[in-house]
Amino acid sequence: MRAISQDTHGTPDVLKEAVLPRPVPAPGQILVAVRAAGVNPTDWKHRAAGLFLNRLPLVLGWDVSGVVEAVGFGVTLFKPGDEVFGMLPYPHGAGSHAEYVTGPARAFAHKPAGIDHVQAGALPLAALTAYQAIVDTAAVRAGQRVLIHAAAGGVGHLAVQIAKSRGAYVIGTASAPKHDFLRSLGADEVIDYRATDFRDAVQDVDMVLDPLSGDTRARSLDVLRPGGILVSLLPGTDPDEAAKAAARGVRVETLLVEADHAGMNAIAGLVASGALRARVEAVFPLADAAEAHALGETGRTTGKIVLTVT
């Protein structure tokens, strides 16, 4: 099979098309013929520096949408020919930037019939991250106030929709040109982070979702009401954070997304109901994965980047 592999860490040009053996599903696994696979910030970070994965050569990619080619022993959820989407176990299950990939059957769900593979391939990692933050970790309820940083990004724009589906009042930070897009998703307020310190624009928030960390994470404590929660996707750097959070009566959690059959089914349900849709910024053929990485690293995209496989 064709795959995008790297033998070293570095800039996007370390990504090369390679011919590798087609995998065989182990017990409890399915073999998926990949039709589309999202590219996420974690992909280009792993490409550049390894992060959690020190093995080389390395095939990246956690998002998958495709067709079941074969099932391993004991799998009852899917049959060959089923259209599925899901996230391979993060971080060690990477490998979807290829023509075929294997993964645990329960990392997948049936692809909603109303979307194509590009849409489905854009969703899993980012949507699961948002869902696990808003629903599983923060248990957001109707009427609560939710602040989402980088709200037009891959995780952020899906988080806006998931929070709205819970009945929350949603505030998003983004550059001014992206405000209309956020309003179209249902955001109740938008803040231009380039022109305004969000602490001057919003207070008494029940939940903050922070994909950025650093100074944004530290300042976010100031806008939470007592009993509120900050869910960050990156570790903090402030040694006094725990003491500050305790003094304000708020909770801080750092989330690492997990493969999740129930979560994927919930996401499929939101898609089917019309409550959730990925914004796809750009689509590249598998062979152009390096270009996809280069675009993503500009930090100026809205929504998701997707690779397609034929």
C-alpha atoms as a PDB file:
ATOM      1  CA  MET A   1       0.000   0.000   0.000  1.00  0.00           C
ATOM      2  CA  ARG A   2       0.977   3.641  -0.403  1.00  0.00           C
ATOM      3  CA  ALA A   3       1.633   5.605   2.774  1.00  0.00           C
ATOM      4  CA  ILE A   4       3.195   8.892   3.820  1.00  0.00           C
ATOM      5  CA  SER A   5       6.241   8.059   5.901  1.00  0.00           C
ATOM      6  CA  GLN A   6       9.180   9.868   7.469  1.00  0.00           C
ATOM      7  CA  ASP A   7      12.609   8.575   8.390  1.00  0.00           C
ATOM      8  CA  THR A   8      13.610  11.614  10.427  1.00  0.00           C
ATOM      9  CA  HIS A   9      12.028  14.560  12.190  1.00  0.00           C
ATOM     10  CA  GLY A  10      11.985  17.988  10.640  1.00  0.00           C
ATOM     11  CA  THR A  11      10.207  20.277   8.192  1.00  0.00           C
ATOM     12  CA  PRO A  12       7.355  19.086   5.926  1.00  0.00           C
ATOM     13  CA  ASP A  13       9.779  17.876   3.268  1.00  0.00           C
ATOM     14  CA  VAL A  14      10.721  14.897   5.462  1.00  0.00           C
ATOM     15  CA  LEU A  15       7.342  13.415   4.478  1.00  0.00           C
ATOM     16  CA  LYS A  16       7.734  10.993   1.570  1.00  0.00           C
ATOM     17  CA  GLU A  17       5.413   8.587  -0.211  1.00  0.00           C
ATOM     18  CA  ALA A  18       6.438   5.003   0.540  1.00  0.00           C
ATOM     19  CA  VAL A  19       5.210   1.520  -0.316  1.00  0.00           C
ATOM     20  CA  LEU A  20       4.579  -0.529   2.840  1.00  0.00           C
ATOM     21  CA  PRO A  21       2.989  -3.904   3.562  1.00  0.00           C
ATOM     22  CA  ARG A  22      -0.777  -3.771   3.902  1.00  0.00           C
ATOM     23  CA  PRO A  23      -1.644  -4.436   7.569  1.00  0.00           C
ATOM     24  CA  VAL A  24      -3.707  -7.394   8.747  1.00  0.00           C
ATOM     25  CA  PRO A  25      -6.346  -6.910  11.458  1.00  0.00           C
ATOM     26  CA  ALA A  26      -5.548  -8.552  14.783  1.00  0.00           C
ATOM     27  CA  PRO A  27      -8.307  -9.914  17.038  1.00  0.00           C
ATOM     28  CA  GLY A  28     -10.663  -7.076  17.938  1.00  0.00           C
ATOM     29  CA  GLN A  29      -9.445  -4.915  15.058  1.00  0.00           C
ATOM     30  CA  ILE A  30     -10.788  -3.876  11.674  1.00  0.00           C
ATOM     31  CA  LEU A  31      -8.890  -3.153   8.470  1.00  0.00           C
ATOM     32  CA  VAL A  32     -10.120   0.072   6.855  1.00  0.00           C
ATOM     33  CA  ALA A  33      -9.546   1.166   3.275  1.00  0.00           C
ATOM     34  CA  VAL A  34      -8.941   4.857   3.949  1.00  0.00           C
ATOM     35  CA  ARG A  35     -10.901   7.338   1.863  1.00  0.00           C
ATOM     36  CA  ALA A  36     -10.058  10.502   3.825  1.00  0.00           C
ATOM     37  CA  ALA A  37      -7.985  11.427   6.874  1.00  0.00           C
ATOM     38  CA  GLY A  38      -7.736  14.722   8.692  1.00  0.00           C
ATOM     39  CA  VAL A  39      -4.475  16.526   9.373  1.00  0.00           C
ATOM     40  CA  ASN A  40      -4.273  18.017  12.866  1.00  0.00           C
ATOM     41  CA  PRO A  41      -1.740  20.197  14.705  1.00  0.00           C
ATOM     42  CA  THR A  42      -0.558  17.111  16.553  1.00  0.00           C
ATOM     43  CA  ASP A  43       0.489  15.631  13.179  1.00  0.00           C
ATOM     44  CA  TRP A  44       2.874  18.427  12.292  1.00  0.00           C
ATOM     45  CA  LYS A  45       4.153  18.624  15.873  1.00  0.00           C
ATOM     46  CA  HIS A  46       4.957  14.906  15.855  1.00  0.00           C
ATOM     47  CA  ARG A  47       6.509  15.224  12.397  1.00  0.00           C
ATOM     48  CA  ALA A  48       8.787  18.017  13.598  1.00  0.00           C
ATOM     49  CA  ALA A  49       9.804  16.777  17.026  1.00  0.00           C
ATOM     50  CA  GLY A  50       8.471  13.307  17.811  1.00  0.00           C
ATOM     51  CA  LEU A  51       6.530  14.306  20.950  1.00  0.00           C
ATOM     52  CA  PHE A  52       4.936  11.086  22.245  1.00  0.00           C
ATOM     53  CA  LEU A  53       6.166   8.943  19.331  1.00  0.00           C
ATOM     54  CA  ASN A  54       9.877   8.296  19.111  1.00  0.00           C
ATOM     55  CA  ARG A  55       9.673   5.487  16.583  1.00  0.00           C
ATOM     56  CA  LEU A  56      11.024   5.921  13.053  1.00  0.00           C
ATOM     57  CA  PRO A  57      10.092   5.399  10.305  1.00  0.00           C
ATOM     58  CA  LEU A  58       6.725   6.884  11.203  1.00  0.00           C
ATOM     59  CA  VAL A  59       3.367   7.082   9.453  1.00  0.00           C
ATOM     60  CA  LEU A  60       1.231   9.813  10.999  1.00  0.00           C
ATOM     61  CA  GLY A  61      -2.523  10.337  11.080  1.00  0.00           C
ATOM     62  CA  TRP A  62      -5.205   9.539  13.655  1.00  0.00           C
ATOM     63  CA  ASP A  63      -8.373  10.607  11.807  1.00  0.00           C
ATOM     64  CA  VAL A  64      -9.956   7.960   9.578  1.00  0.00           C
ATOM     65  CA  SER A  65     -12.963   7.742   7.302  1.00  0.00           C
ATOM     66  CA  GLY A  66     -13.247   4.794   4.976  1.00  0.00           C
ATOM     67  CA  VAL A  67     -14.666   1.377   4.209  1.00  0.00           C
ATOM     68  CA  VAL A  68     -14.161  -1.779   6.244  1.00  0.00           C
ATOM     69  CA  GLU A  69     -12.052  -4.174   4.197  1.00  0.00           C
ATOM     70  CA  ALA A  70     -11.757  -7.009   6.731  1.00  0.00           C
ATOM     71  CA  VAL A  71     -12.458  -7.715  10.398  1.00  0.00           C
ATOM     72  CA  GLY A  72     -10.368  -9.542  12.945  1.00  0.00           C
ATOM     73  CA  PHE A  73     -11.490 -12.367  15.173  1.00  0.00           C
ATOM     74  CA  GLY A  74     -14.273 -11.447  17.584  1.00  0.00           C
ATOM     75  CA  VAL A  75     -15.444  -8.244  15.913  1.00  0.00           C
ATOM     76  CA  THR A  76     -19.243  -7.989  15.827  1.00  0.00           C
ATOM     77  CA  LEU A  77     -19.853  -4.260  15.303  1.00  0.00           C
ATOM     78  CA  PHE A  78     -18.826  -4.038  11.652  1.00  0.00           C
ATOM     79  CA  LYS A  79     -18.753  -6.105   8.492  1.00  0.00           C
ATOM     80  CA  PRO A  80     -16.711  -5.702   5.281  1.00  0.00           C
ATOM     81  CA  GLY A  81     -18.252  -2.969   3.171  1.00  0.00           C
ATOM     82  CA  ASP A  82     -19.415  -0.830   6.112  1.00  0.00           C
ATOM     83  CA  GLU A  83     -18.539   2.862   5.938  1.00  0.00           C
ATOM     84  CA  VAL A  84     -16.912   3.941   9.202  1.00  0.00           C
ATOM     85  CA  PHE A  85     -15.131   6.867  10.782  1.00  0.00           C
ATOM     86  CA  GLY A  86     -13.098   7.131  13.950  1.00  0.00           C
ATOM     87  CA  MET A  87      -9.902   8.112  15.707  1.00  0.00           C
ATOM     88  CA  LEU A  88      -7.051   5.657  16.098  1.00  0.00           C
ATOM     89  CA  PRO A  89      -5.859   5.321  19.710  1.00  0.00           C
ATOM     90  CA  TYR A  90      -3.939   8.459  20.592  1.00  0.00           C
ATOM     91  CA  PRO A  91      -0.995   8.750  20.573  1.00  0.00           C
ATOM     92  CA  HIS A  92       0.455   5.323  19.799  1.00  0.00           C
ATOM     93  CA  GLY A  93      -2.066   4.189  17.191  1.00  0.00           C
ATOM     94  CA  ALA A  94      -1.045   6.634  14.448  1.00  0.00           C
ATOM     95  CA  GLY A  95      -0.991   5.472  10.839  1.00  0.00           C
ATOM     96  CA  SER A  96      -4.044   6.687   8.905  1.00  0.00           C
ATOM     97  CA  HIS A  97      -2.109   8.682   6.288  1.00  0.00           C
ATOM     98  CA  ALA A  98      -2.035   5.587   4.141  1.00  0.00           C
ATOM     99  CA  GLU A  99      -4.256   3.544   1.832  1.00  0.00           C
ATOM    100  CA  TYR A 100      -5.105   1.063   4.606  1.00  0.00           C
ATOM    101  CA  VAL A 101      -4.990   1.122   8.383  1.00  0.00           C
ATOM    102  CA  THR A 102      -5.949  -1.202  11.220  1.00  0.00           C
ATOM    103  CA  GLY A 103      -7.424  -0.115  14.532  1.00  0.00           C
ATOM    104  CA  PRO A 104      -9.631  -1.348  17.380  1.00  0.00           C
ATOM    105  CA  ALA A 105     -13.196  -1.858  16.187  1.00  0.00           C
ATOM    106  CA  ARG A 106     -14.444   0.179  19.126  1.00  0.00           C
ATOM    107  CA  ALA A 107     -12.445   3.210  18.030  1.00  0.00           C
ATOM    108  CA  PHE A 108     -14.923   3.574  15.157  1.00  0.00           C
ATOM    109  CA  ALA A 109     -18.590   4.283  14.473  1.00  0.00           C
ATOM    110  CA  HIS A 110     -20.717   4.008  11.365  1.00  0.00           C
ATOM    111  CA  LYS A 111     -20.224   7.049   9.146  1.00  0.00           C
ATOM    112  CA  PRO A 112     -23.368   9.210   9.017  1.00  0.00           C
ATOM    113  CA  ALA A 113     -25.035   8.739   5.655  1.00  0.00           C
ATOM    114  CA  GLY A 114     -25.565  12.461   5.165  1.00  0.00           C
ATOM    115  CA  ILE A 115     -21.878  13.397   4.878  1.00  0.00           C
ATOM    116  CA  ASP A 116     -19.096  12.295   2.563  1.00  0.00           C
ATOM    117  CA  HIS A 117     -15.741  10.847   3.570  1.00  0.00           C
ATOM    118  CA  VAL A 118     -14.013  14.243   3.460  1.00  0.00           C
ATOM    119  CA  GLN A 119     -16.434  15.647   6.022  1.00  0.00           C
ATOM    120  CA  ALA A 120     -16.240  12.489   8.112  1.00  0.00           C
ATOM    121  CA  GLY A 121     -12.452  12.366   7.923  1.00  0.00           C
ATOM    122  CA  ALA A 122     -12.240  15.908   9.264  1.00  0.00           C
ATOM    123  CA  LEU A 123     -14.155  15.148  12.434  1.00  0.00           C
ATOM    124  CA  PRO A 124     -12.824  12.424  14.739  1.00  0.00           C
ATOM    125  CA  LEU A 125      -9.823  13.772  16.671  1.00  0.00           C
ATOM    126  CA  ALA A 126     -10.994  17.372  16.872  1.00  0.00           C
ATOM    127  CA  ALA A 127     -14.636  16.514  17.571  1.00  0.00           C
ATOM    128  CA  LEU A 128     -13.725  13.927  20.215  1.00  0.00           C
ATOM    129  CA  THR A 129     -11.421  16.452  21.876  1.00  0.00           C
ATOM    130  CA  ALA A 130     -14.216  19.012  22.014  1.00  0.00           C
ATOM    131  CA  TYR A 131     -16.805  16.451  23.136  1.00  0.00           C
ATOM    132  CA  GLN A 132     -14.610  14.984  25.867  1.00  0.00           C
ATOM    133  CA  ALA A 133     -13.831  18.480  27.149  1.00  0.00           C
ATOM    134  CA  ILE A 134     -17.356  19.933  27.070  1.00  0.00           C
ATOM    135  CA  VAL A 135     -19.493  16.888  27.827  1.00  0.00           C
ATOM    136  CA  ASP A 136     -17.347  14.322  29.644  1.00  0.00           C
ATOM    137  CA  THR A 137     -15.053  16.629  31.624  1.00  0.00           C
ATOM    138  CA  ALA A 138     -17.017  19.843  32.193  1.00  0.00           C
ATOM    139  CA  ALA A 139     -20.547  18.371  31.951  1.00  0.00           C
ATOM    140  CA  VAL A 140     -21.784  21.630  30.422  1.00  0.00           C
ATOM    141  CA  ARG A 141     -25.492  22.250  30.983  1.00  0.00           C
ATOM    142  CA  ALA A 142     -28.079  24.482  29.367  1.00  0.00           C
ATOM    143  CA  GLY A 143     -27.691  28.120  30.305  1.00  0.00           C
ATOM    144  CA  GLN A 144     -24.032  27.894  31.320  1.00  0.00           C
ATOM    145  CA  ARG A 145     -21.501  30.325  29.900  1.00  0.00           C
ATOM    146  CA  VAL A 146     -18.669  28.756  27.896  1.00  0.00           C
ATOM    147  CA  LEU A 147     -15.585  30.596  26.606  1.00  0.00           C
ATOM    148  CA  ILE A 148     -13.772  28.884  23.731  1.00  0.00           C
ATOM    149  CA  HIS A 149     -10.339  30.151  22.711  1.00  0.00           C
ATOM    150  CA  ALA A 150      -9.172  29.790  19.095  1.00  0.00           C
ATOM    151  CA  ALA A 151     -12.841  29.222  18.344  1.00  0.00           C
ATOM    152  CA  ALA A 152     -12.416  29.142  14.561  1.00  0.00           C
ATOM    153  CA  GLY A 153      -9.740  26.442  14.692  1.00  0.00           C
ATOM    154  CA  GLY A 154     -10.092  22.708  14.212  1.00  0.00           C
ATOM    155  CA  VAL A 155     -11.163  21.897  17.771  1.00  0.00           C
ATOM    156  CA  GLY A 156     -12.655  25.315  18.468  1.00  0.00           C
ATOM    157  CA  HIS A 157     -15.256  25.497  15.709  1.00  0.00           C
ATOM    158  CA  LEU A 158     -16.543  22.038  16.599  1.00  0.00           C
ATOM    159  CA  ALA A 159     -16.559  22.928  20.296  1.00  0.00           C
ATOM    160  CA  VAL A 160     -18.757  25.955  19.561  1.00  0.00           C
ATOM    161  CA  GLN A 161     -21.325  23.685  17.925  1.00  0.00           C
ATOM    162  CA  ILE A 162     -21.184  21.009  20.629  1.00  0.00           C
ATOM    163  CA  ALA A 163     -21.571  23.586  23.396  1.00  0.00           C
ATOM    164  CA  LYS A 164     -24.538  25.129  21.583  1.00  0.00           C
ATOM    165  CA  SER A 165     -26.096  21.678  21.240  1.00  0.00           C
ATOM    166  CA  ARG A 166     -25.980  21.513  25.061  1.00  0.00           C
ATOM    167  CA  GLY A 167     -27.851  24.810  25.354  1.00  0.00           C
ATOM    168  CA  ALA A 168     -24.823  26.827  26.490  1.00  0.00           C
ATOM    169  CA  TYR A 169     -24.188  30.537  25.962  1.00  0.00           C
ATOM    170  CA  VAL A 170     -21.011  30.476  23.866  1.00  0.00           C
ATOM    171  CA  ILE A 171     -18.302  33.128  23.667  1.00  0.00           C
ATOM    172  CA  GLY A 172     -15.455  32.634  21.194  1.00  0.00           C
ATOM    173  CA  THR A 173     -12.116  34.329  20.666  1.00  0.00           C
ATOM    174  CA  ALA A 174     -10.788  34.704  17.116  1.00  0.00           C
ATOM    175  CA  SER A 175      -9.374  37.325  14.768  1.00  0.00           C
ATOM    176  CA  ALA A 176     -11.958  39.763  13.414  1.00  0.00           C
ATOM    177  CA  PRO A 177     -12.200  38.267   9.886  1.00  0.00           C
ATOM    178  CA  LYS A 178     -13.466  34.999  11.424  1.00  0.00           C
ATOM    179  CA  HIS A 179     -16.252  36.515  13.513  1.00  0.00           C
ATOM    180  CA  ASP A 180     -18.988  36.085  10.921  1.00  0.00           C
ATOM    181  CA  PHE A 181     -18.055  32.429  10.581  1.00  0.00           C
ATOM    182  CA  LEU A 182     -18.359  31.923  14.343  1.00  0.00           C
ATOM    183  CA  ARG A 183     -21.709  33.664  14.440  1.00  0.00           C
ATOM    184  CA  SER A 184     -22.891  31.353  11.656  1.00  0.00           C
ATOM    185  CA  LEU A 185     -22.075  28.429  13.971  1.00  0.00           C
ATOM    186  CA  GLY A 186     -24.204  29.929  16.737  1.00  0.00           C
ATOM    187  CA  ALA A 187     -21.634  31.780  18.855  1.00  0.00           C
ATOM    188  CA  ASP A 188     -23.438  34.310  21.051  1.00  0.00           C
ATOM    189  CA  GLU A 189     -20.447  36.617  21.475  1.00  0.00           C
ATOM    190  CA  VAL A 190     -17.114  36.913  19.668  1.00  0.00           C
ATOM    191  CA  ILE A 191     -13.971  38.658  20.884  1.00  0.00           C
ATOM    192  CA  ASP A 192     -11.096  39.870  18.715  1.00  0.00           C
ATOM    193  CA  TYR A 193      -8.125  38.659  20.719  1.00  0.00           C
ATOM    194  CA  ARG A 194      -5.814  40.951  18.740  1.00  0.00           C
ATOM    195  CA  ALA A 195      -7.651  44.078  19.827  1.00  0.00           C
ATOM    196  CA  THR A 196      -9.115  43.136  23.212  1.00  0.00           C
ATOM    197  CA  ASP A 197      -7.946  41.385  26.362  1.00  0.00           C
ATOM    198  CA  PHE A 198     -10.749  38.860  26.793  1.00  0.00           C
ATOM    199  CA  ARG A 199     -10.680  39.540  30.554  1.00  0.00           C
ATOM    200  CA  ASP A 200     -12.024  43.002  29.838  1.00  0.00           C
ATOM    201  CA  ALA A 201     -14.887  41.623  27.743  1.00  0.00           C
ATOM    202  CA  VAL A 202     -16.177  38.624  29.667  1.00  0.00           C
ATOM    203  CA  GLN A 203     -16.578  37.470  33.267  1.00  0.00           C
ATOM    204  CA  ASP A 204     -18.514  34.852  35.257  1.00  0.00           C
ATOM    205  CA  VAL A 205     -17.775  31.988  32.871  1.00  0.00           C
ATOM    206  CA  ASP A 206     -18.642  28.410  33.836  1.00  0.00           C
ATOM    207  CA  MET A 207     -16.168  26.757  31.488  1.00  0.00           C
ATOM    208  CA  VAL A 208     -13.136  27.784  29.459  1.00  0.00           C
ATOM    209  CA  LEU A 209     -11.785  25.562  26.680  1.00  0.00           C
ATOM    210  CA  ASP A 210      -8.175  26.479  25.978  1.00  0.00           C
ATOM    211  CA  PRO A 211      -6.236  24.852  23.103  1.00  0.00           C
ATOM    212  CA  LEU A 212      -3.388  27.385  23.431  1.00  0.00           C
ATOM    213  CA  SER A 213      -1.995  27.247  27.002  1.00  0.00           C
ATOM    214  CA  GLY A 214       0.764  29.705  27.964  1.00  0.00           C
ATOM    215  CA  ASP A 215      -0.459  33.174  28.869  1.00  0.00           C
ATOM    216  CA  THR A 216      -3.971  32.393  27.613  1.00  0.00           C
ATOM    217  CA  ARG A 217      -4.319  29.558  30.109  1.00  0.00           C
ATOM    218  CA  ALA A 218      -3.062  31.730  32.966  1.00  0.00           C
ATOM    219  CA  ARG A 219      -5.381  34.637  32.158  1.00  0.00           C
ATOM    220  CA  SER A 220      -8.371  32.339  31.722  1.00  0.00           C
ATOM    221  CA  LEU A 221      -8.474  31.679  35.476  1.00  0.00           C
ATOM    222  CA  ASP A 222      -9.477  35.322  35.940  1.00  0.00           C
ATOM    223  CA  VAL A 223     -12.782  34.979  34.062  1.00  0.00           C
ATOM    224  CA  LEU A 224     -14.104  31.831  35.746  1.00  0.00           C
ATOM    225  CA  ARG A 225     -16.789  32.061  38.364  1.00  0.00           C
ATOM    226  CA  PRO A 226     -16.403  30.006  41.586  1.00  0.00           C
ATOM    227  CA  GLY A 227     -17.115  26.384  40.743  1.00  0.00           C
ATOM    228  CA  GLY A 228     -16.043  26.883  37.123  1.00  0.00           C
ATOM    229  CA  ILE A 229     -13.608  24.739  35.171  1.00  0.00           C
ATOM    230  CA  LEU A 230     -10.734  25.416  32.793  1.00  0.00           C
ATOM    231  CA  VAL A 231     -10.071  22.559  30.373  1.00  0.00           C
ATOM    232  CA  SER A 232      -6.739  22.951  28.596  1.00  0.00           C
ATOM    233  CA  LEU A 233      -5.339  20.822  25.778  1.00  0.00           C
ATOM    234  CA  LEU A 234      -1.713  21.597  26.607  1.00  0.00           C
ATOM    235  CA  PRO A 235       0.151  21.532  29.924  1.00  0.00           C
ATOM    236  CA  GLY A 236       0.458  24.704  31.941  1.00  0.00           C
ATOM    237  CA  THR A 237       3.682  26.521  32.733  1.00  0.00           C
ATOM    238  CA  ASP A 238       2.656  28.550  35.801  1.00  0.00           C
ATOM    239  CA  PRO A 239       4.013  26.918  38.991  1.00  0.00           C
ATOM    240  CA  ASP A 240       1.459  28.862  41.047  1.00  0.00           C
ATOM    241  CA  GLU A 241      -1.539  27.787  38.946  1.00  0.00           C
ATOM    242  CA  ALA A 242      -2.880  25.268  41.462  1.00  0.00           C
ATOM    243  CA  ALA A 243      -2.775  27.805  44.268  1.00  0.00           C
ATOM    244  CA  LYS A 244      -4.485  30.447  42.122  1.00  0.00           C
ATOM    245  CA  ALA A 245      -7.198  28.016  41.077  1.00  0.00           C
ATOM    246  CA  ALA A 246      -7.807  26.969  44.673  1.00  0.00           C
ATOM    247  CA  ALA A 247      -8.022  30.590  45.790  1.00  0.00           C
ATOM    248  CA  ARG A 248     -10.673  31.279  43.150  1.00  0.00           C
ATOM    249  CA  GLY A 249     -12.557  28.057  43.837  1.00  0.00           C
ATOM    250  CA  VAL A 250     -12.146  26.756  40.282  1.00  0.00           C
ATOM    251  CA  ARG A 251     -10.944  23.511  38.745  1.00  0.00           C
ATOM    252  CA  VAL A 252      -8.200  23.068  36.132  1.00  0.00           C
ATOM    253  CA  GLU A 253      -7.897  19.987  33.939  1.00  0.00           C
ATOM    254  CA  THR A 254      -5.500  19.101  31.107  1.00  0.00           C
ATOM    255  CA  LEU A 255      -7.142  16.804  28.560  1.00  0.00           C
ATOM    256  CA  LEU A 256      -5.503  14.244  26.276  1.00  0.00           C
ATOM    257  CA  VAL A 257      -8.043  12.915  23.793  1.00  0.00           C
ATOM    258  CA  GLU A 258      -8.883   9.196  23.895  1.00  0.00           C
ATOM    259  CA  ALA A 259     -10.296   6.820  21.314  1.00  0.00           C
ATOM    260  CA  ASP A 260     -13.953   6.448  22.222  1.00  0.00           C
ATOM    261  CA  HIS A 261     -16.681   4.352  20.578  1.00  0.00           C
ATOM    262  CA  ALA A 262     -19.475   5.974  22.605  1.00  0.00           C
ATOM    263  CA  GLY A 263     -18.105   9.430  21.857  1.00  0.00           C
ATOM    264  CA  MET A 264     -17.932   8.674  18.130  1.00  0.00           C
ATOM    265  CA  ASN A 265     -21.538   7.485  18.192  1.00  0.00           C
ATOM    266  CA  ALA A 266     -22.557  10.702  19.969  1.00  0.00           C
ATOM    267  CA  ILE A 267     -20.713  12.741  17.341  1.00  0.00           C
ATOM    268  CA  ALA A 268     -22.418  10.749  14.575  1.00  0.00           C
ATOM    269  CA  GLY A 269     -25.751  11.562  16.205  1.00  0.00           C
ATOM    270  CA  LEU A 270     -24.971  15.288  16.301  1.00  0.00           C
ATOM    271  CA  VAL A 271     -23.989  15.167  12.634  1.00  0.00           C
ATOM    272  CA  ALA A 272     -27.145  13.295  11.689  1.00  0.00           C
ATOM    273  CA  SER A 273     -29.300  15.825  13.551  1.00  0.00           C
ATOM    274  CA  GLY A 274     -27.655  18.760  11.766  1.00  0.00           C
ATOM    275  CA  ALA A 275     -26.082  20.108  14.968  1.00  0.00           C
ATOM    276  CA  LEU A 276     -22.452  19.461  13.962  1.00  0.00           C
ATOM    277  CA  ARG A 277     -20.498  19.928  10.760  1.00  0.00           C
ATOM    278  CA  ALA A 278     -16.796  20.348  10.097  1.00  0.00           C
ATOM    279  CA  ARG A 279     -15.540  23.339   8.157  1.00  0.00           C
ATOM    280  CA  VAL A 280     -12.974  21.997   5.684  1.00  0.00           C
ATOM    281  CA  GLU A 281     -10.421  24.641   4.751  1.00  0.00           C
ATOM    282  CA  ALA A 282      -8.478  22.585   2.209  1.00  0.00           C
ATOM    283  CA  VAL A 283      -8.308  19.099   0.692  1.00  0.00           C
ATOM    284  CA  PHE A 284      -5.089  17.522  -0.603  1.00  0.00           C
ATOM    285  CA  PRO A 285      -4.400  14.140  -2.205  1.00  0.00           C
ATOM    286  CA  LEU A 286      -2.386  11.797  -0.008  1.00  0.00           C
ATOM    287  CA  ALA A 287       0.776  12.371  -2.039  1.00  0.00           C
ATOM    288  CA  ASP A 288       0.668  16.092  -1.155  1.00  0.00           C
ATOM    289  CA  ALA A 289       0.752  15.584   2.611  1.00  0.00           C
ATOM    290  CA  ALA A 290       3.789  17.862   2.915  1.00  0.00           C
ATOM    291  CA  GLU A 291       1.789  20.736   1.414  1.00  0.00           C
ATOM    292  CA  ALA A 292      -1.030  20.051   3.863  1.00  0.00           C
ATOM    293  CA  HIS A 293       1.406  20.237   6.780  1.00  0.00           C
ATOM    294  CA  ALA A 294       2.925  23.467   5.480  1.00  0.00           C
ATOM    295  CA  LEU A 295      -0.506  25.075   5.204  1.00  0.00           C
ATOM    296  CA  GLY A 296      -1.501  23.959   8.678  1.00  0.00           C
ATOM    297  CA  GLU A 297       1.664  25.328  10.217  1.00  0.00           C
ATOM    298  CA  THR A 298       0.840  28.840   8.998  1.00  0.00           C
ATOM    299  CA  GLY A 299      -1.718  29.032  11.806  1.00  0.00           C
ATOM    300  CA  ARG A 300      -4.099  30.954   9.554  1.00  0.00           C
ATOM    301  CA  THR A 301      -6.534  28.224   8.569  1.00  0.00           C
ATOM    302  CA  THR A 302     -10.177  28.006   9.596  1.00  0.00           C
ATOM    303  CA  GLY A 303     -11.478  24.568  10.485  1.00  0.00           C
ATOM    304  CA  LYS A 304      -9.762  21.455   9.168  1.00  0.00           C
ATOM    305  CA  ILE A 305      -7.370  20.162   6.510  1.00  0.00           C
ATOM    306  CA  VAL A 306      -8.055  16.761   4.968  1.00  0.00           C
ATOM    307  CA  LEU A 307      -6.081  14.249   2.890  1.00  0.00           C
ATOM    308  CA  THR A 308      -7.960  12.072   0.397  1.00  0.00           C
ATOM    309  CA  VAL A 309      -6.992   8.580  -0.722  1.00  0.00           C
ATOM    310  CA  THR A 310      -8.020   6.968  -4.015  1.00  0.00           C
END
